[in-house]
Amino acid sequence: MQLRNRAEQQDPAWHKRYAVRSGIEGTINEFAHGHGMRHCRYRGQAKAHLQHVLTAVAVNIERLSRQSSEEPAPPRPPTAFQSYLDRQGTPRLRSWRAVS
């Protein structure tokens, strides 16, 4: 089972699916931890749904306000693992999401 899963993870199609999944999981984590979505303020499905929709709108506005159309964001410093790969001369993708 584990060998089959590891072999499957070498497939470029798997990398594409995983890139989408990890983006979605990051968004869910942001909602749960950053905006308190684990606890609803209101009782009833309609009110809870309205809270979720309004929180999503607020998060989108917050994300848009962080984007600057004039200058791109500065590059992040490399992680320890990326620095290790660079020292070893191992080529690496610019971004794991760049897998096509």
N, C-alpha and C. Protein backbone atom coordinates (compact mmCIF):
# COMPACT_ATOMS: atom_id res chain seq x y z
N MET A 1 0.83 -1.19 0.00
CA MET A 1 0.00 0.00 0.00
C MET A 1 0.88 1.26 0.00
N GLN A 2 1.86 1.31 0.90
CA GLN A 2 2.72 2.48 0.99
C GLN A 2 3.56 2.65 -0.27
N LEU A 3 4.05 1.55 -0.83
CA LEU A 3 4.83 1.62 -2.07
C LEU A 3 3.98 2.14 -3.22
N ARG A 4 2.73 1.68 -3.27
CA ARG A 4 1.83 2.15 -4.33
C ARG A 4 1.57 3.65 -4.19
N ASN A 5 1.36 4.10 -2.95
CA ASN A 5 1.11 5.53 -2.72
C ASN A 5 2.32 6.36 -3.10
N ARG A 6 3.51 5.90 -2.75
CA ARG A 6 4.73 6.65 -3.09
C ARG A 6 4.94 6.69 -4.59
N ALA A 7 4.66 5.61 -5.27
CA ALA A 7 4.79 5.60 -6.73
C ALA A 7 3.79 6.56 -7.36
N GLU A 8 2.58 6.59 -6.80
CA GLU A 8 1.54 7.49 -7.30
C GLU A 8 1.96 8.96 -7.14
N GLN A 9 2.70 9.25 -6.08
CA GLN A 9 3.11 10.63 -5.80
C GLN A 9 4.16 11.15 -6.78
N GLN A 10 4.73 10.27 -7.58
CA GLN A 10 5.71 10.70 -8.58
C GLN A 10 5.03 11.19 -9.86
N ASP A 11 3.75 10.94 -9.98
CA ASP A 11 2.99 11.31 -11.17
C ASP A 11 2.72 12.81 -11.19
N PRO A 12 2.99 13.51 -12.31
CA PRO A 12 2.71 14.95 -12.39
C PRO A 12 1.24 15.30 -12.14
N ALA A 13 0.33 14.40 -12.53
CA ALA A 13 -1.10 14.66 -12.29
C ALA A 13 -1.38 14.71 -10.79
N TRP A 14 -0.71 13.86 -10.01
CA TRP A 14 -0.88 13.87 -8.57
C TRP A 14 -0.41 15.20 -7.99
N HIS A 15 0.71 15.72 -8.51
CA HIS A 15 1.23 17.01 -8.03
C HIS A 15 0.24 18.14 -8.30
N LYS A 16 -0.42 18.10 -9.43
CA LYS A 16 -1.42 19.13 -9.75
C LYS A 16 -2.59 19.05 -8.77
N ARG A 17 -3.08 17.83 -8.54
CA ARG A 17 -4.21 17.67 -7.60
C ARG A 17 -3.80 18.11 -6.20
N TYR A 18 -2.59 17.75 -5.79
CA TYR A 18 -2.14 18.10 -4.45
C TYR A 18 -1.95 19.60 -4.29
N ALA A 19 -1.51 20.30 -5.34
CA ALA A 19 -1.34 21.75 -5.28
C ALA A 19 -2.69 22.41 -5.01
N VAL A 20 -3.73 21.93 -5.66
CA VAL A 20 -5.08 22.48 -5.43
C VAL A 20 -5.52 22.17 -4.00
N ARG A 21 -5.33 20.94 -3.59
CA ARG A 21 -5.76 20.54 -2.25
C ARG A 21 -5.04 21.34 -1.18
N SER A 22 -3.73 21.53 -1.33
CA SER A 22 -2.99 22.24 -0.29
C SER A 22 -3.42 23.70 -0.22
N GLY A 23 -3.77 24.30 -1.36
CA GLY A 23 -4.28 25.67 -1.35
C GLY A 23 -5.60 25.77 -0.60
N ILE A 24 -6.47 24.80 -0.83
CA ILE A 24 -7.77 24.79 -0.17
C ILE A 24 -7.58 24.58 1.34
N GLU A 25 -6.70 23.65 1.70
CA GLU A 25 -6.47 23.40 3.12
C GLU A 25 -5.87 24.62 3.81
N GLY A 26 -5.03 25.37 3.11
CA GLY A 26 -4.48 26.59 3.69
C GLY A 26 -5.55 27.62 3.95
N THR A 27 -6.49 27.74 3.01
CA THR A 27 -7.60 28.68 3.19
C THR A 27 -8.48 28.27 4.37
N ILE A 28 -8.78 26.98 4.47
CA ILE A 28 -9.59 26.50 5.58
C ILE A 28 -8.87 26.75 6.90
N ASN A 29 -7.57 26.51 6.93
CA ASN A 29 -6.80 26.77 8.14
C ASN A 29 -6.83 28.25 8.51
N GLU A 30 -6.73 29.12 7.50
CA GLU A 30 -6.79 30.56 7.77
C GLU A 30 -8.13 30.94 8.39
N PHE A 31 -9.22 30.38 7.87
CA PHE A 31 -10.54 30.68 8.41
C PHE A 31 -10.66 30.16 9.85
N ALA A 32 -10.22 28.92 10.07
CA ALA A 32 -10.41 28.30 11.38
C ALA A 32 -9.56 28.97 12.45
N HIS A 33 -8.31 29.25 12.13
CA HIS A 33 -7.41 29.77 13.15
C HIS A 33 -7.31 31.29 13.15
N GLY A 34 -7.40 31.89 12.00
CA GLY A 34 -7.21 33.33 11.92
C GLY A 34 -8.48 34.14 12.12
N HIS A 35 -9.63 33.51 11.88
CA HIS A 35 -10.88 34.27 11.94
C HIS A 35 -11.94 33.61 12.82
N GLY A 36 -11.53 32.63 13.61
CA GLY A 36 -12.43 32.05 14.61
C GLY A 36 -13.63 31.32 14.05
N MET A 37 -13.48 30.67 12.92
CA MET A 37 -14.64 30.02 12.31
C MET A 37 -14.98 28.66 12.94
N ARG A 38 -14.24 28.27 13.95
CA ARG A 38 -14.60 27.02 14.63
C ARG A 38 -15.82 27.23 15.53
N HIS A 39 -16.05 28.46 15.92
CA HIS A 39 -17.17 28.75 16.80
C HIS A 39 -18.08 29.76 16.12
N CYS A 40 -19.33 29.41 16.02
CA CYS A 40 -20.29 30.29 15.37
C CYS A 40 -20.91 31.22 16.42
N ARG A 41 -21.14 32.42 16.01
CA ARG A 41 -21.69 33.42 16.92
C ARG A 41 -23.20 33.32 17.06
N TYR A 42 -23.83 32.76 16.04
CA TYR A 42 -25.29 32.78 15.97
C TYR A 42 -25.84 31.36 15.97
N ARG A 43 -27.12 31.25 16.32
CA ARG A 43 -27.81 29.96 16.29
C ARG A 43 -28.68 29.91 15.05
N GLY A 44 -28.74 28.75 14.47
CA GLY A 44 -29.57 28.55 13.29
C GLY A 44 -28.71 28.50 12.03
N GLN A 45 -29.13 27.66 11.11
CA GLN A 45 -28.34 27.45 9.90
C GLN A 45 -28.26 28.70 9.04
N ALA A 46 -29.34 29.43 8.90
CA ALA A 46 -29.34 30.62 8.04
C ALA A 46 -28.38 31.69 8.59
N LYS A 47 -28.42 31.90 9.89
CA LYS A 47 -27.55 32.91 10.50
C LYS A 47 -26.09 32.47 10.45
N ALA A 48 -25.83 31.19 10.69
CA ALA A 48 -24.47 30.67 10.61
C ALA A 48 -23.94 30.81 9.19
N HIS A 49 -24.79 30.51 8.21
CA HIS A 49 -24.37 30.65 6.81
C HIS A 49 -24.04 32.11 6.50
N LEU A 50 -24.86 33.03 6.97
CA LEU A 50 -24.60 34.45 6.74
C LEU A 50 -23.27 34.86 7.37
N GLN A 51 -22.97 34.36 8.57
CA GLN A 51 -21.70 34.67 9.21
C GLN A 51 -20.53 34.16 8.35
N HIS A 52 -20.65 32.95 7.83
CA HIS A 52 -19.59 32.38 7.00
C HIS A 52 -19.39 33.18 5.71
N VAL A 53 -20.48 33.58 5.09
CA VAL A 53 -20.39 34.36 3.85
C VAL A 53 -19.73 35.71 4.12
N LEU A 54 -20.17 36.39 5.18
CA LEU A 54 -19.60 37.71 5.48
C LEU A 54 -18.13 37.60 5.89
N THR A 55 -17.77 36.54 6.58
CA THR A 55 -16.36 36.34 6.92
C THR A 55 -15.54 36.10 5.67
N ALA A 56 -16.07 35.32 4.73
CA ALA A 56 -15.37 35.07 3.47
C ALA A 56 -15.18 36.37 2.69
N VAL A 57 -16.19 37.22 2.67
CA VAL A 57 -16.07 38.52 1.99
C VAL A 57 -14.97 39.36 2.67
N ALA A 58 -14.97 39.37 3.99
CA ALA A 58 -13.96 40.14 4.71
C ALA A 58 -12.55 39.62 4.44
N VAL A 59 -12.40 38.31 4.39
CA VAL A 59 -11.08 37.72 4.11
C VAL A 59 -10.64 38.09 2.69
N ASN A 60 -11.55 38.04 1.74
CA ASN A 60 -11.20 38.40 0.36
C ASN A 60 -10.80 39.87 0.26
N ILE A 61 -11.50 40.74 0.97
CA ILE A 61 -11.14 42.16 0.96
C ILE A 61 -9.77 42.35 1.59
N GLU A 62 -9.52 41.64 2.68
CA GLU A 62 -8.21 41.71 3.35
C GLU A 62 -7.10 41.24 2.41
N ARG A 63 -7.33 40.15 1.69
CA ARG A 63 -6.33 39.64 0.75
C ARG A 63 -6.10 40.63 -0.40
N LEU A 64 -7.17 41.19 -0.90
CA LEU A 64 -7.03 42.16 -2.01
C LEU A 64 -6.30 43.41 -1.57
N SER A 65 -6.51 43.83 -0.32
CA SER A 65 -5.85 45.04 0.15
C SER A 65 -4.35 44.83 0.32
N ARG A 66 -3.93 43.57 0.52
CA ARG A 66 -2.51 43.27 0.64
C ARG A 66 -1.79 43.25 -0.70
N GLN A 67 -2.57 43.09 -1.78
CA GLN A 67 -1.96 43.05 -3.11
C GLN A 67 -1.66 44.46 -3.58
N SER A 68 -0.50 44.61 -4.17
CA SER A 68 -0.12 45.90 -4.70
C SER A 68 0.05 45.76 -6.20
N SER A 69 -0.65 46.58 -6.96
CA SER A 69 -0.54 46.49 -8.41
C SER A 69 0.71 47.21 -8.92
N GLU A 70 1.33 48.03 -8.09
CA GLU A 70 2.48 48.80 -8.54
C GLU A 70 3.77 48.00 -8.48
N GLU A 71 4.03 47.32 -7.39
CA GLU A 71 5.29 46.60 -7.26
C GLU A 71 5.03 45.19 -6.75
N PRO A 72 5.77 44.21 -7.27
CA PRO A 72 5.57 42.84 -6.80
C PRO A 72 6.12 42.67 -5.38
N ALA A 73 5.61 41.66 -4.72
CA ALA A 73 6.06 41.37 -3.36
C ALA A 73 7.53 40.93 -3.40
N PRO A 74 8.31 41.31 -2.40
CA PRO A 74 9.71 40.88 -2.38
C PRO A 74 9.79 39.36 -2.20
N PRO A 75 10.79 38.73 -2.77
CA PRO A 75 10.89 37.27 -2.63
C PRO A 75 11.18 36.89 -1.18
N ARG A 76 10.61 35.77 -0.79
CA ARG A 76 10.84 35.29 0.57
C ARG A 76 12.22 34.67 0.66
N PRO A 77 12.85 34.72 1.83
CA PRO A 77 14.16 34.08 1.97
C PRO A 77 14.01 32.57 1.83
N PRO A 78 15.04 31.88 1.35
CA PRO A 78 14.93 30.43 1.18
C PRO A 78 14.83 29.73 2.53
N THR A 79 14.14 28.61 2.52
CA THR A 79 14.04 27.80 3.73
C THR A 79 15.36 27.07 3.95
N ALA A 80 15.51 26.46 5.10
CA ALA A 80 16.74 25.71 5.39
C ALA A 80 16.91 24.57 4.40
N PHE A 81 15.82 23.92 4.03
CA PHE A 81 15.91 22.81 3.09
C PHE A 81 16.30 23.31 1.70
N GLN A 82 15.74 24.44 1.28
CA GLN A 82 16.12 25.00 -0.02
C GLN A 82 17.59 25.40 -0.02
N SER A 83 18.08 25.97 1.06
CA SER A 83 19.49 26.32 1.15
C SER A 83 20.37 25.07 1.08
N TYR A 84 19.92 24.00 1.72
CA TYR A 84 20.65 22.74 1.66
C TYR A 84 20.73 22.23 0.23
N LEU A 85 19.59 22.24 -0.48
CA LEU A 85 19.59 21.80 -1.88
C LEU A 85 20.54 22.65 -2.72
N ASP A 86 20.55 23.95 -2.47
CA ASP A 86 21.44 24.84 -3.23
C ASP A 86 22.91 24.52 -2.95
N ARG A 87 23.24 24.26 -1.69
CA ARG A 87 24.63 23.93 -1.35
C ARG A 87 25.07 22.62 -1.98
N GLN A 88 24.13 21.68 -2.10
CA GLN A 88 24.44 20.38 -2.69
C GLN A 88 24.45 20.44 -4.22
N GLY A 89 23.98 21.55 -4.78
CA GLY A 89 23.92 21.67 -6.24
C GLY A 89 22.76 20.90 -6.85
N THR A 90 21.77 20.58 -6.03
CA THR A 90 20.60 19.86 -6.50
C THR A 90 19.61 20.85 -7.10
N PRO A 91 19.22 20.65 -8.37
CA PRO A 91 18.26 21.59 -8.96
C PRO A 91 16.90 21.44 -8.28
N ARG A 92 16.22 22.54 -8.13
CA ARG A 92 14.87 22.52 -7.55
C ARG A 92 13.98 23.46 -8.32
N LEU A 93 12.68 23.18 -8.27
CA LEU A 93 11.72 24.05 -8.94
C LEU A 93 11.65 25.38 -8.21
N ARG A 94 11.34 26.41 -8.96
CA ARG A 94 11.14 27.73 -8.34
C ARG A 94 9.98 27.67 -7.37
N SER A 95 8.95 26.93 -7.74
CA SER A 95 7.78 26.78 -6.88
C SER A 95 7.25 25.37 -7.07
N TRP A 96 6.81 24.73 -6.00
CA TRP A 96 6.25 23.39 -6.13
C TRP A 96 4.95 23.43 -6.91
N ARG A 97 4.31 24.59 -6.98
CA ARG A 97 3.07 24.70 -7.75
C ARG A 97 3.34 24.84 -9.25
N ALA A 98 4.60 24.98 -9.61
CA ALA A 98 4.95 25.14 -11.01
C ALA A 98 4.97 23.82 -11.76
N VAL A 99 4.70 22.71 -11.07
CA VAL A 99 4.71 21.41 -11.71
C VAL A 99 3.57 21.36 -12.71
N SER A 100 3.89 21.00 -13.94
CA SER A 100 2.82 20.94 -14.95
C SER A 100 2.71 19.58 -15.56
